[in-house]
Every structure is written in C-alpha cells, then in structure tokens.
Amino acid sequence: MIKVGISHNLPDVENLVRRLVKHPDVEIMWMYNFDRTFPVYEKYPGLLGEFDMKYTDKPDLDAIDLLIGYPSCQGIKERSGMKSIFCTSHMNCCGVVDHPVEIGLPEFNRKALVRGALSAYLPDETTYMGALALMPLAKNLLLTGDISASVLLTNDEDSPHGMAAWGKHAGDFMTCDLCEKVLKPLQISFNSTLNILPFTVEGDVSMGTFIIDTKMNAPDIIKLYHDFYDDHRHVVILPENYPEARAAHVEGTNKSVIGIKTDGGRLFVSVAFDGRMKTGAGNIIHIMNLLFGLDERTGL
C-alpha cells in the first residue's frame, strides 16, 4: 500500500480524497493543517459519511511514502526515500527537497516519472494544454513559424494556477514551462513566437485552439498525433472532420481530447480537458501511479 500524507488545502480536495479512499493501493495516513485540528468534513461537507479523518497539526513523515500538497516552512521537509507531488512549480526553488523535481506531465516525461523520480509538480492548465497540442509537431520539427492560441481556462481562485491569481501576466508566466521544459527538448531548437490569449470561464472544463501554418494535410497530421499518443491512455484523438474538442467529451474525467483540422494552409489543433482534474485530483493520481510503478489508469 502507498501511504499518503496530504499537506494544506489543495485544489479540489474533496475529489482527490474521494478518489484516494477508493484507490486499491492507497491509504491516507494524515491530512495536515498547521494551525488547528478539526474533522475534514467540516471544511468539505461532501465528505461527510465517506471520510471521518481529522486534520493533524503534527504530520508524521515517517508514516508516509508520498507527500501531496504544499510543503512549507512549518516543519514539513523531505525524508530520505519519501516521494512527493507538489501543487505548484515554486517548490522547485524553496529548499524543500535537494533533488530534481520533474514536471508532472506524463505525456511528456513518463519515463522519468517511472524510472526513479522522487518528486513532481503539477503544471498549469496552459502548459498542459499547449503541450498536448504542440508536442507531436515539435517532435517532428514542424514548429517553424509563429503560433497563436486562444484558451478558456477555469477561473478557480483556490487553484495555484487559477487565472484570477495571476491577472494580466498569466499568459506569459504560464508559457514558460511549456517553451523551456517541453517544446525545446523535443525540437532541440525552438525559436517560434508563442502568443496565447487567455480567457476565464465558469465551470471545470478548459479548452483551447492552437493555430500553426502548415503544408501538410489533415490525415497525415492526425497520424502524427496517433503515433505520438499511441500508448498514452488518457489522450483521445478525434477522427478527421469530427467536431472540435468540447466540454461534453471530458467533464469529470482525466481524459484529454484533441481535434485537428486544416484550412487554407493553417492547422487548427483544439484541446479540451477537465481543468480541475488536470491541475488537481486526476493528474495527482496519474503521477502517483507512475511514481510507484502502477498502471497509470488505476483509480481513474
């Protein structure tokens, strides 16, 4: 069993706890609140009758194999051999761990997560969306011109990646990991200009369309995407001429849907996923499964 400790209030805690309780290989050992103890269901009433644990103000790191959440200066530091999933990339530079922290994007670095990684962090919605849309093109050296995109992101104030938290600078801030850690390694040289216009929406589903100049036809591009995502079980490529990716395909799941069409020498790649799952419970469980050598769909 994977013994889990949860630190501080994560995005979509209720969904995460409910899924971890039902996960066949997980036992939640404690949930940490640094200032006081009280039943978790008092903060998340939906867990009443399902999860009766109280928050602790004295987390026992020796009791867990995996830490999920926001490590901080309130006494939570790494323990040798303990694995961790951070809910913000800022943990990379705050001295909490002394080893590399991988970007938690399994479609990009599943091998690293499976082969000995100790820590990962959740990427933001724009990074995840842009990576899914552009990685197959980058791998085939097809990102040679400017890229434009319009994205609709969940306006979740409780999320560390919520657009409301970053204001007008969100687009530039969020694309840093996408360009530097994902696209450049795949294409070696990535000199394109990536212009993302972000909007916020109420609801859980994030959607976006990326536009790139191309001389290829849609069937050949769809084949590239099928080849790239062939063994990634949480990605679905829509058939040619199918309506673009939309909310109805993904809400409440850890699935990402990608639609592709060409028109007048331009390629339109649409992506949709449940933003709360991809920056919360769904991706946390996906990463956890990989870190501990389980089938990536376990518990999802």
C-alpha atoms as a PDB file:
ATOM      1  CA  MET A   1       0.000   0.000   0.000  1.00  0.00           C
ATOM      2  CA  ILE A   2       1.096   3.569  -0.737  1.00  0.00           C
ATOM      3  CA  LYS A   3       0.819   5.520   2.499  1.00  0.00           C
ATOM      4  CA  VAL A   4      -0.109   9.129   1.733  1.00  0.00           C
ATOM      5  CA  GLY A   5       0.061  12.385   3.677  1.00  0.00           C
ATOM      6  CA  ILE A   6      -1.769  15.461   2.380  1.00  0.00           C
ATOM      7  CA  SER A   7      -0.382  18.888   3.234  1.00  0.00           C
ATOM      8  CA  HIS A   8      -2.557  22.019   3.366  1.00  0.00           C
ATOM      9  CA  ASN A   9      -5.612  22.753   1.257  1.00  0.00           C
ATOM     10  CA  LEU A  10      -5.156  21.520  -2.279  1.00  0.00           C
ATOM     11  CA  PRO A  11      -7.240  22.305  -5.349  1.00  0.00           C
ATOM     12  CA  ASP A  12     -10.288  20.037  -5.498  1.00  0.00           C
ATOM     13  CA  VAL A  13      -9.565  18.318  -2.168  1.00  0.00           C
ATOM     14  CA  GLU A  14     -12.957  16.640  -1.979  1.00  0.00           C
ATOM     15  CA  ASN A  15     -12.494  14.925  -5.350  1.00  0.00           C
ATOM     16  CA  LEU A  16      -8.913  13.922  -4.528  1.00  0.00           C
ATOM     17  CA  VAL A  17      -9.754  12.418  -1.131  1.00  0.00           C
ATOM     18  CA  ARG A  18     -12.777  10.558  -2.502  1.00  0.00           C
ATOM     19  CA  ARG A  19     -10.663   9.001  -5.272  1.00  0.00           C
ATOM     20  CA  LEU A  20      -7.734   8.162  -2.984  1.00  0.00           C
ATOM     21  CA  VAL A  21     -10.060   6.446  -0.491  1.00  0.00           C
ATOM     22  CA  LYS A  22     -11.318   4.217  -3.312  1.00  0.00           C
ATOM     23  CA  HIS A  23      -7.857   3.638  -4.826  1.00  0.00           C
ATOM     24  CA  PRO A  24      -6.959  -0.033  -4.296  1.00  0.00           C
ATOM     25  CA  ASP A  25      -3.317   0.682  -3.456  1.00  0.00           C
ATOM     26  CA  VAL A  26      -3.572   3.785  -1.243  1.00  0.00           C
ATOM     27  CA  GLU A  27      -4.092   4.520   2.436  1.00  0.00           C
ATOM     28  CA  ILE A  28      -4.383   8.149   3.605  1.00  0.00           C
ATOM     29  CA  MET A  29      -2.391   8.414   6.851  1.00  0.00           C
ATOM     30  CA  TRP A  30      -2.993  12.075   7.680  1.00  0.00           C
ATOM     31  CA  MET A  31      -4.075  15.483   6.396  1.00  0.00           C
ATOM     32  CA  TYR A  32      -2.129  18.454   7.706  1.00  0.00           C
ATOM     33  CA  ASN A  33      -3.461  21.805   8.846  1.00  0.00           C
ATOM     34  CA  PHE A  34      -0.782  23.887  10.539  1.00  0.00           C
ATOM     35  CA  ASP A  35      -2.969  25.930  12.895  1.00  0.00           C
ATOM     36  CA  ARG A  36      -5.693  23.674  14.304  1.00  0.00           C
ATOM     37  CA  THR A  37      -7.303  20.238  14.149  1.00  0.00           C
ATOM     38  CA  PHE A  38     -10.895  19.541  13.139  1.00  0.00           C
ATOM     39  CA  PRO A  39     -12.789  16.958  11.045  1.00  0.00           C
ATOM     40  CA  VAL A  40     -12.018  17.275   7.343  1.00  0.00           C
ATOM     41  CA  TYR A  41     -15.732  17.116   6.503  1.00  0.00           C
ATOM     42  CA  GLU A  42     -16.292  20.403   8.347  1.00  0.00           C
ATOM     43  CA  LYS A  43     -14.388  22.129   5.556  1.00  0.00           C
ATOM     44  CA  TYR A  44     -15.586  19.749   2.827  1.00  0.00           C
ATOM     45  CA  PRO A  45     -19.168  18.725   3.754  1.00  0.00           C
ATOM     46  CA  GLY A  46     -19.401  16.445   0.728  1.00  0.00           C
ATOM     47  CA  LEU A  47     -17.058  14.026   2.507  1.00  0.00           C
ATOM     48  CA  LEU A  48     -19.409  13.551   5.470  1.00  0.00           C
ATOM     49  CA  GLY A  49     -20.017   9.837   5.920  1.00  0.00           C
ATOM     50  CA  GLU A  50     -17.214   8.948   3.488  1.00  0.00           C
ATOM     51  CA  PHE A  51     -14.114  10.258   5.262  1.00  0.00           C
ATOM     52  CA  ASP A  52     -14.046  10.866   9.008  1.00  0.00           C
ATOM     53  CA  MET A  53     -10.369  11.754   9.474  1.00  0.00           C
ATOM     54  CA  LYS A  54      -9.390  14.891  11.388  1.00  0.00           C
ATOM     55  CA  TYR A  55      -6.708  17.314  10.289  1.00  0.00           C
ATOM     56  CA  THR A  56      -3.473  16.996  12.258  1.00  0.00           C
ATOM     57  CA  ASP A  57      -1.083  19.780  13.206  1.00  0.00           C
ATOM     58  CA  LYS A  58       1.773  17.308  13.752  1.00  0.00           C
ATOM     59  CA  PRO A  59       2.439  15.477  10.470  1.00  0.00           C
ATOM     60  CA  ASP A  60       4.395  12.238  10.809  1.00  0.00           C
ATOM     61  CA  LEU A  61       6.682  11.958   7.792  1.00  0.00           C
ATOM     62  CA  ASP A  62       7.940   8.546   8.909  1.00  0.00           C
ATOM     63  CA  ALA A  63       4.416   7.182   8.448  1.00  0.00           C
ATOM     64  CA  ILE A  64       4.112   8.014   4.735  1.00  0.00           C
ATOM     65  CA  ASP A  65       5.572   7.047   1.365  1.00  0.00           C
ATOM     66  CA  LEU A  66       4.137  10.022  -0.531  1.00  0.00           C
ATOM     67  CA  LEU A  67       3.533  13.655   0.388  1.00  0.00           C
ATOM     68  CA  ILE A  68       0.938  15.564  -1.654  1.00  0.00           C
ATOM     69  CA  GLY A  69       0.468  19.299  -1.408  1.00  0.00           C
ATOM     70  CA  TYR A  70       2.305  22.466  -0.437  1.00  0.00           C
ATOM     71  CA  PRO A  71       5.395  21.838   1.702  1.00  0.00           C
ATOM     72  CA  SER A  72       6.247  24.915   3.709  1.00  0.00           C
ATOM     73  CA  CYS A  73       8.397  26.343   6.432  1.00  0.00           C
ATOM     74  CA  GLN A  74       6.015  24.979   9.091  1.00  0.00           C
ATOM     75  CA  GLY A  75       8.127  21.893   9.606  1.00  0.00           C
ATOM     76  CA  ILE A  76       7.456  19.792   6.510  1.00  0.00           C
ATOM     77  CA  LYS A  77      10.725  18.858   4.857  1.00  0.00           C
ATOM     78  CA  GLU A  78      11.731  15.836   2.833  1.00  0.00           C
ATOM     79  CA  ARG A  79      12.523  12.483   4.385  1.00  0.00           C
ATOM     80  CA  SER A  80      15.014  10.187   2.677  1.00  0.00           C
ATOM     81  CA  GLY A  81      13.213   7.928   0.208  1.00  0.00           C
ATOM     82  CA  MET A  82       9.904   9.740   0.527  1.00  0.00           C
ATOM     83  CA  LYS A  83       8.241  10.770  -2.730  1.00  0.00           C
ATOM     84  CA  SER A  84       6.266  13.954  -3.254  1.00  0.00           C
ATOM     85  CA  ILE A  85       3.838  15.648  -5.599  1.00  0.00           C
ATOM     86  CA  PHE A  86       3.825  19.430  -5.311  1.00  0.00           C
ATOM     87  CA  CYS A  87       0.888  21.545  -6.395  1.00  0.00           C
ATOM     88  CA  THR A  88       2.994  24.467  -7.564  1.00  0.00           C
ATOM     89  CA  SER A  89       6.235  24.796  -9.516  1.00  0.00           C
ATOM     90  CA  HIS A  90       7.569  27.267  -6.909  1.00  0.00           C
ATOM     91  CA  MET A  91       8.551  24.261  -4.785  1.00  0.00           C
ATOM     92  CA  ASN A  92      11.466  23.752  -7.186  1.00  0.00           C
ATOM     93  CA  CYS A  93      13.439  26.561  -5.572  1.00  0.00           C
ATOM     94  CA  CYS A  94      12.307  26.827  -1.958  1.00  0.00           C
ATOM     95  CA  GLY A  95      14.705  24.310  -0.420  1.00  0.00           C
ATOM     96  CA  VAL A  96      12.102  21.698   0.433  1.00  0.00           C
ATOM     97  CA  VAL A  97      13.909  18.946  -1.494  1.00  0.00           C
ATOM     98  CA  ASP A  98      17.509  18.504  -2.615  1.00  0.00           C
ATOM     99  CA  HIS A  99      16.795  16.506  -5.776  1.00  0.00           C
ATOM    100  CA  PRO A 100      15.273  17.322  -9.197  1.00  0.00           C
ATOM    101  CA  VAL A 101      11.542  17.969  -9.296  1.00  0.00           C
ATOM    102  CA  GLU A 102      10.031  16.705 -12.556  1.00  0.00           C
ATOM    103  CA  ILE A 103       7.247  18.489 -14.400  1.00  0.00           C
ATOM    104  CA  GLY A 104       4.162  16.358 -13.825  1.00  0.00           C
ATOM    105  CA  LEU A 105       3.180  15.967 -17.456  1.00  0.00           C
ATOM    106  CA  PRO A 106       3.108  12.188 -18.058  1.00  0.00           C
ATOM    107  CA  GLU A 107       2.567  12.504 -21.802  1.00  0.00           C
ATOM    108  CA  PHE A 108       5.926  14.286 -21.959  1.00  0.00           C
ATOM    109  CA  ASN A 109       8.143  12.598 -19.361  1.00  0.00           C
ATOM    110  CA  ARG A 110       6.509   9.352 -18.314  1.00  0.00           C
ATOM    111  CA  LYS A 111       9.881   7.569 -18.462  1.00  0.00           C
ATOM    112  CA  ALA A 112      11.405   9.982 -15.961  1.00  0.00           C
ATOM    113  CA  LEU A 113       8.457   9.547 -13.595  1.00  0.00           C
ATOM    114  CA  VAL A 114       8.613   5.757 -13.802  1.00  0.00           C
ATOM    115  CA  ARG A 115      12.389   5.368 -13.659  1.00  0.00           C
ATOM    116  CA  GLY A 116      13.376   6.645 -10.256  1.00  0.00           C
ATOM    117  CA  ALA A 117      11.909  10.145  -9.941  1.00  0.00           C
ATOM    118  CA  LEU A 118      11.200  11.192  -6.357  1.00  0.00           C
ATOM    119  CA  SER A 119       9.226  14.397  -6.893  1.00  0.00           C
ATOM    120  CA  ALA A 120       6.974  16.040  -9.449  1.00  0.00           C
ATOM    121  CA  TYR A 121       4.889  19.198  -9.621  1.00  0.00           C
ATOM    122  CA  LEU A 122       1.587  19.905 -11.336  1.00  0.00           C
ATOM    123  CA  PRO A 123       1.860  22.044 -14.472  1.00  0.00           C
ATOM    124  CA  ASP A 124      -0.659  24.817 -15.008  1.00  0.00           C
ATOM    125  CA  GLU A 125      -3.575  24.496 -17.424  1.00  0.00           C
ATOM    126  CA  THR A 126      -1.922  26.458 -20.245  1.00  0.00           C
ATOM    127  CA  THR A 127       1.269  24.397 -20.089  1.00  0.00           C
ATOM    128  CA  TYR A 128      -0.719  21.150 -20.133  1.00  0.00           C
ATOM    129  CA  MET A 129      -2.971  22.300 -22.956  1.00  0.00           C
ATOM    130  CA  GLY A 130      -0.144  23.689 -25.077  1.00  0.00           C
ATOM    131  CA  ALA A 131       1.980  20.606 -24.529  1.00  0.00           C
ATOM    132  CA  LEU A 132      -0.796  18.261 -25.651  1.00  0.00           C
ATOM    133  CA  ALA A 133      -1.471  20.390 -28.731  1.00  0.00           C
ATOM    134  CA  LEU A 134       2.128  21.012 -29.810  1.00  0.00           C
ATOM    135  CA  MET A 135       4.339  18.103 -28.667  1.00  0.00           C
ATOM    136  CA  PRO A 136       3.694  15.852 -31.709  1.00  0.00           C
ATOM    137  CA  LEU A 137       4.572  18.755 -34.008  1.00  0.00           C
ATOM    138  CA  ALA A 138       7.697  19.643 -32.039  1.00  0.00           C
ATOM    139  CA  LYS A 139       8.931  16.069 -32.095  1.00  0.00           C
ATOM    140  CA  ASN A 140       8.632  16.087 -35.907  1.00  0.00           C
ATOM    141  CA  LEU A 141      10.342  19.523 -36.224  1.00  0.00           C
ATOM    142  CA  LEU A 142       7.170  21.134 -37.552  1.00  0.00           C
ATOM    143  CA  LEU A 143       7.088  24.172 -35.271  1.00  0.00           C
ATOM    144  CA  THR A 144       8.929  26.540 -37.576  1.00  0.00           C
ATOM    145  CA  GLY A 145       6.659  29.580 -37.518  1.00  0.00           C
ATOM    146  CA  ASP A 146       4.728  31.658 -35.043  1.00  0.00           C
ATOM    147  CA  ILE A 147       1.971  30.016 -33.031  1.00  0.00           C
ATOM    148  CA  SER A 148      -1.202  31.699 -31.858  1.00  0.00           C
ATOM    149  CA  ALA A 149      -3.783  30.360 -29.476  1.00  0.00           C
ATOM    150  CA  SER A 150      -6.971  31.267 -27.702  1.00  0.00           C
ATOM    151  CA  VAL A 151      -7.637  29.374 -24.485  1.00  0.00           C
ATOM    152  CA  LEU A 152     -10.510  29.218 -21.999  1.00  0.00           C
ATOM    153  CA  LEU A 153      -9.279  28.390 -18.501  1.00  0.00           C
ATOM    154  CA  THR A 154     -11.142  27.574 -15.308  1.00  0.00           C
ATOM    155  CA  ASN A 155     -11.449  30.581 -13.031  1.00  0.00           C
ATOM    156  CA  ASP A 156     -10.711  28.725  -9.797  1.00  0.00           C
ATOM    157  CA  GLU A 157      -9.484  31.066  -7.076  1.00  0.00           C
ATOM    158  CA  ASP A 158      -8.494  28.098  -4.886  1.00  0.00           C
ATOM    159  CA  SER A 159      -6.120  26.753  -7.523  1.00  0.00           C
ATOM    160  CA  PRO A 160      -2.458  27.852  -7.518  1.00  0.00           C
ATOM    161  CA  HIS A 161      -2.778  28.082 -11.281  1.00  0.00           C
ATOM    162  CA  GLY A 162      -6.134  29.852 -11.376  1.00  0.00           C
ATOM    163  CA  MET A 163      -6.139  32.740 -13.822  1.00  0.00           C
ATOM    164  CA  ALA A 164      -7.582  35.047 -11.181  1.00  0.00           C
ATOM    165  CA  ALA A 165      -4.413  34.548  -9.144  1.00  0.00           C
ATOM    166  CA  TRP A 166      -2.083  35.796 -11.879  1.00  0.00           C
ATOM    167  CA  GLY A 167      -4.061  38.553 -13.588  1.00  0.00           C
ATOM    168  CA  LYS A 168      -2.928  40.031 -16.902  1.00  0.00           C
ATOM    169  CA  HIS A 169       0.542  38.464 -16.741  1.00  0.00           C
ATOM    170  CA  ALA A 170      -0.849  34.922 -16.628  1.00  0.00           C
ATOM    171  CA  GLY A 171      -0.306  34.150 -20.299  1.00  0.00           C
ATOM    172  CA  ASP A 172       3.406  34.981 -20.239  1.00  0.00           C
ATOM    173  CA  PHE A 173       4.001  33.352 -16.859  1.00  0.00           C
ATOM    174  CA  MET A 174       2.273  30.117 -17.743  1.00  0.00           C
ATOM    175  CA  THR A 175       4.001  29.564 -21.071  1.00  0.00           C
ATOM    176  CA  CYS A 176       7.500  29.485 -19.558  1.00  0.00           C
ATOM    177  CA  ASP A 177       7.470  25.774 -18.638  1.00  0.00           C
ATOM    178  CA  LEU A 178       5.799  24.906 -21.939  1.00  0.00           C
ATOM    179  CA  CYS A 179       8.523  26.541 -24.042  1.00  0.00           C
ATOM    180  CA  GLU A 180      11.584  25.877 -21.912  1.00  0.00           C
ATOM    181  CA  LYS A 181      10.902  22.421 -20.469  1.00  0.00           C
ATOM    182  CA  VAL A 182       8.682  20.761 -23.061  1.00  0.00           C
ATOM    183  CA  LEU A 183       8.977  22.168 -26.583  1.00  0.00           C
ATOM    184  CA  LYS A 184      12.692  22.966 -26.618  1.00  0.00           C
ATOM    185  CA  PRO A 185      13.791  19.466 -25.527  1.00  0.00           C
ATOM    186  CA  LEU A 186      11.569  17.881 -28.177  1.00  0.00           C
ATOM    187  CA  GLN A 187      12.593  20.146 -31.034  1.00  0.00           C
ATOM    188  CA  ILE A 188      16.096  20.935 -29.708  1.00  0.00           C
ATOM    189  CA  SER A 189      15.784  24.426 -31.136  1.00  0.00           C
ATOM    190  CA  PHE A 190      12.508  26.230 -30.542  1.00  0.00           C
ATOM    191  CA  ASN A 191      12.547  29.788 -31.816  1.00  0.00           C
ATOM    192  CA  SER A 192       8.887  30.280 -32.633  1.00  0.00           C
ATOM    193  CA  THR A 193       6.844  33.028 -31.017  1.00  0.00           C
ATOM    194  CA  LEU A 194       4.007  31.611 -28.951  1.00  0.00           C
ATOM    195  CA  ASN A 195       1.155  34.061 -28.488  1.00  0.00           C
ATOM    196  CA  ILE A 196      -1.581  32.887 -26.132  1.00  0.00           C
ATOM    197  CA  LEU A 197      -4.728  34.881 -25.472  1.00  0.00           C
ATOM    198  CA  PRO A 198      -6.269  33.576 -22.216  1.00  0.00           C
ATOM    199  CA  PHE A 199      -9.873  33.953 -21.100  1.00  0.00           C
ATOM    200  CA  THR A 200     -11.555  32.641 -17.973  1.00  0.00           C
ATOM    201  CA  VAL A 201     -14.817  30.740 -17.788  1.00  0.00           C
ATOM    202  CA  GLU A 202     -17.018  29.432 -15.014  1.00  0.00           C
ATOM    203  CA  GLY A 203     -17.033  25.669 -14.826  1.00  0.00           C
ATOM    204  CA  ASP A 204     -14.447  22.912 -14.812  1.00  0.00           C
ATOM    205  CA  VAL A 205     -13.558  22.388 -18.478  1.00  0.00           C
ATOM    206  CA  SER A 206     -10.550  24.068 -20.109  1.00  0.00           C
ATOM    207  CA  MET A 207     -10.480  24.389 -23.888  1.00  0.00           C
ATOM    208  CA  GLY A 208      -8.155  25.958 -26.409  1.00  0.00           C
ATOM    209  CA  THR A 209      -7.307  26.179 -30.102  1.00  0.00           C
ATOM    210  CA  PHE A 210      -3.726  26.497 -31.386  1.00  0.00           C
ATOM    211  CA  ILE A 211      -3.106  27.798 -34.909  1.00  0.00           C
ATOM    212  CA  ILE A 212       0.047  26.989 -36.893  1.00  0.00           C
ATOM    213  CA  ASP A 213       0.944  27.404 -40.576  1.00  0.00           C
ATOM    214  CA  THR A 214       1.277  24.073 -42.356  1.00  0.00           C
ATOM    215  CA  LYS A 215       1.674  22.481 -45.771  1.00  0.00           C
ATOM    216  CA  MET A 216       0.510  19.068 -44.585  1.00  0.00           C
ATOM    217  CA  ASN A 217      -2.979  17.664 -44.931  1.00  0.00           C
ATOM    218  CA  ALA A 218      -5.178  16.693 -42.009  1.00  0.00           C
ATOM    219  CA  PRO A 219      -4.919  12.872 -42.370  1.00  0.00           C
ATOM    220  CA  ASP A 220      -1.104  12.981 -42.224  1.00  0.00           C
ATOM    221  CA  ILE A 221      -1.156  15.257 -39.185  1.00  0.00           C
ATOM    222  CA  ILE A 222      -3.726  13.086 -37.422  1.00  0.00           C
ATOM    223  CA  LYS A 223      -1.421  10.117 -37.989  1.00  0.00           C
ATOM    224  CA  LEU A 224       1.433  12.020 -36.309  1.00  0.00           C
ATOM    225  CA  TYR A 225      -0.760  12.579 -33.278  1.00  0.00           C
ATOM    226  CA  HIS A 226      -1.891   8.960 -33.163  1.00  0.00           C
ATOM    227  CA  ASP A 227       1.731   7.804 -33.321  1.00  0.00           C
ATOM    228  CA  PHE A 228       2.816  10.178 -30.556  1.00  0.00           C
ATOM    229  CA  TYR A 229      -0.034   9.332 -28.167  1.00  0.00           C
ATOM    230  CA  ASP A 230      -0.439   5.691 -29.148  1.00  0.00           C
ATOM    231  CA  ASP A 231       0.319   4.287 -25.667  1.00  0.00           C
ATOM    232  CA  HIS A 232      -0.996   7.199 -23.589  1.00  0.00           C
ATOM    233  CA  ARG A 233      -4.349   6.029 -22.325  1.00  0.00           C
ATOM    234  CA  HIS A 234      -5.673   9.386 -21.174  1.00  0.00           C
ATOM    235  CA  VAL A 235      -5.449  11.079 -24.599  1.00  0.00           C
ATOM    236  CA  VAL A 236      -8.065  10.701 -27.332  1.00  0.00           C
ATOM    237  CA  ILE A 237      -7.509  11.920 -30.912  1.00  0.00           C
ATOM    238  CA  LEU A 238     -10.740  12.796 -32.685  1.00  0.00           C
ATOM    239  CA  PRO A 239     -11.353  11.439 -36.202  1.00  0.00           C
ATOM    240  CA  GLU A 240     -10.973  13.735 -39.218  1.00  0.00           C
ATOM    241  CA  ASN A 241     -13.982  16.005 -39.804  1.00  0.00           C
ATOM    242  CA  TYR A 242     -15.257  15.318 -36.286  1.00  0.00           C
ATOM    243  CA  PRO A 243     -16.461  18.434 -34.437  1.00  0.00           C
ATOM    244  CA  GLU A 244     -13.682  20.061 -32.412  1.00  0.00           C
ATOM    245  CA  ALA A 245     -12.888  19.014 -28.864  1.00  0.00           C
ATOM    246  CA  ARG A 246     -15.579  20.169 -26.492  1.00  0.00           C
ATOM    247  CA  ALA A 247     -16.659  20.044 -22.863  1.00  0.00           C
ATOM    248  CA  ALA A 248     -19.036  17.098 -23.267  1.00  0.00           C
ATOM    249  CA  HIS A 249     -16.103  14.812 -24.120  1.00  0.00           C
ATOM    250  CA  VAL A 250     -14.123  15.314 -20.920  1.00  0.00           C
ATOM    251  CA  GLU A 251     -16.070  16.717 -17.959  1.00  0.00           C
ATOM    252  CA  GLY A 252     -15.455  14.751 -14.755  1.00  0.00           C
ATOM    253  CA  THR A 253     -12.723  12.588 -16.287  1.00  0.00           C
ATOM    254  CA  ASN A 254      -8.921  12.626 -16.538  1.00  0.00           C
ATOM    255  CA  LYS A 255      -9.219  12.367 -20.319  1.00  0.00           C
ATOM    256  CA  SER A 256      -7.844  14.891 -22.807  1.00  0.00           C
ATOM    257  CA  VAL A 257      -9.391  15.171 -26.268  1.00  0.00           C
ATOM    258  CA  ILE A 258      -7.558  16.588 -29.295  1.00  0.00           C
ATOM    259  CA  GLY A 259      -9.202  17.638 -32.552  1.00  0.00           C
ATOM    260  CA  ILE A 260      -7.343  18.515 -35.760  1.00  0.00           C
ATOM    261  CA  LYS A 261      -8.358  20.312 -38.938  1.00  0.00           C
ATOM    262  CA  THR A 262      -6.627  22.234 -41.723  1.00  0.00           C
ATOM    263  CA  ASP A 263      -7.928  25.212 -43.657  1.00  0.00           C
ATOM    264  CA  GLY A 264      -6.152  27.488 -46.143  1.00  0.00           C
ATOM    265  CA  GLY A 265      -2.633  26.425 -45.199  1.00  0.00           C
ATOM    266  CA  ARG A 266      -3.259  26.667 -41.474  1.00  0.00           C
ATOM    267  CA  LEU A 267      -3.528  23.925 -38.880  1.00  0.00           C
ATOM    268  CA  PHE A 268      -6.065  24.209 -36.056  1.00  0.00           C
ATOM    269  CA  VAL A 269      -5.429  21.972 -33.040  1.00  0.00           C
ATOM    270  CA  SER A 270      -8.184  22.053 -30.413  1.00  0.00           C
ATOM    271  CA  VAL A 271      -7.738  20.591 -26.939  1.00  0.00           C
ATOM    272  CA  ALA A 272     -10.211  20.045 -24.116  1.00  0.00           C
ATOM    273  CA  PHE A 273      -9.837  18.587 -20.637  1.00  0.00           C
ATOM    274  CA  ASP A 274     -11.348  18.971 -17.188  1.00  0.00           C
ATOM    275  CA  GLY A 275      -9.138  21.695 -15.729  1.00  0.00           C
ATOM    276  CA  ARG A 276      -9.789  20.728 -12.127  1.00  0.00           C
ATOM    277  CA  MET A 277      -8.721  17.147 -12.837  1.00  0.00           C
ATOM    278  CA  LYS A 278      -5.568  18.158 -14.729  1.00  0.00           C
ATOM    279  CA  THR A 279      -4.415  20.633 -12.065  1.00  0.00           C
ATOM    280  CA  GLY A 280      -5.765  18.525  -9.212  1.00  0.00           C
ATOM    281  CA  ALA A 281      -7.023  15.043  -8.408  1.00  0.00           C
ATOM    282  CA  GLY A 282      -6.751  13.412 -11.833  1.00  0.00           C
ATOM    283  CA  ASN A 283      -3.167  14.367 -12.540  1.00  0.00           C
ATOM    284  CA  ILE A 284      -2.066  13.788  -8.939  1.00  0.00           C
ATOM    285  CA  ILE A 285      -3.309  10.193  -9.096  1.00  0.00           C
ATOM    286  CA  HIS A 286      -1.879   9.714 -12.594  1.00  0.00           C
ATOM    287  CA  ILE A 287       1.569  10.889 -11.422  1.00  0.00           C
ATOM    288  CA  MET A 288       1.354   8.851  -8.219  1.00  0.00           C
ATOM    289  CA  ASN A 289       0.607   5.692 -10.193  1.00  0.00           C
ATOM    290  CA  LEU A 290       3.696   6.257 -12.330  1.00  0.00           C
ATOM    291  CA  LEU A 291       5.984   7.117  -9.402  1.00  0.00           C
ATOM    292  CA  PHE A 292       5.043   3.832  -7.732  1.00  0.00           C
ATOM    293  CA  GLY A 293       5.015   1.627 -10.843  1.00  0.00           C
ATOM    294  CA  LEU A 294       1.250   1.098 -11.069  1.00  0.00           C
ATOM    295  CA  ASP A 295      -0.874   1.029 -14.208  1.00  0.00           C
ATOM    296  CA  GLU A 296      -1.483   4.702 -14.997  1.00  0.00           C
ATOM    297  CA  ARG A 297      -5.270   4.243 -15.053  1.00  0.00           C
ATOM    298  CA  THR A 298      -5.543   2.730 -11.563  1.00  0.00           C
ATOM    299  CA  GLY A 299      -8.075   4.677  -9.532  1.00  0.00           C
ATOM    300  CA  LEU A 300      -9.099   6.781 -12.517  1.00  0.00           C
END
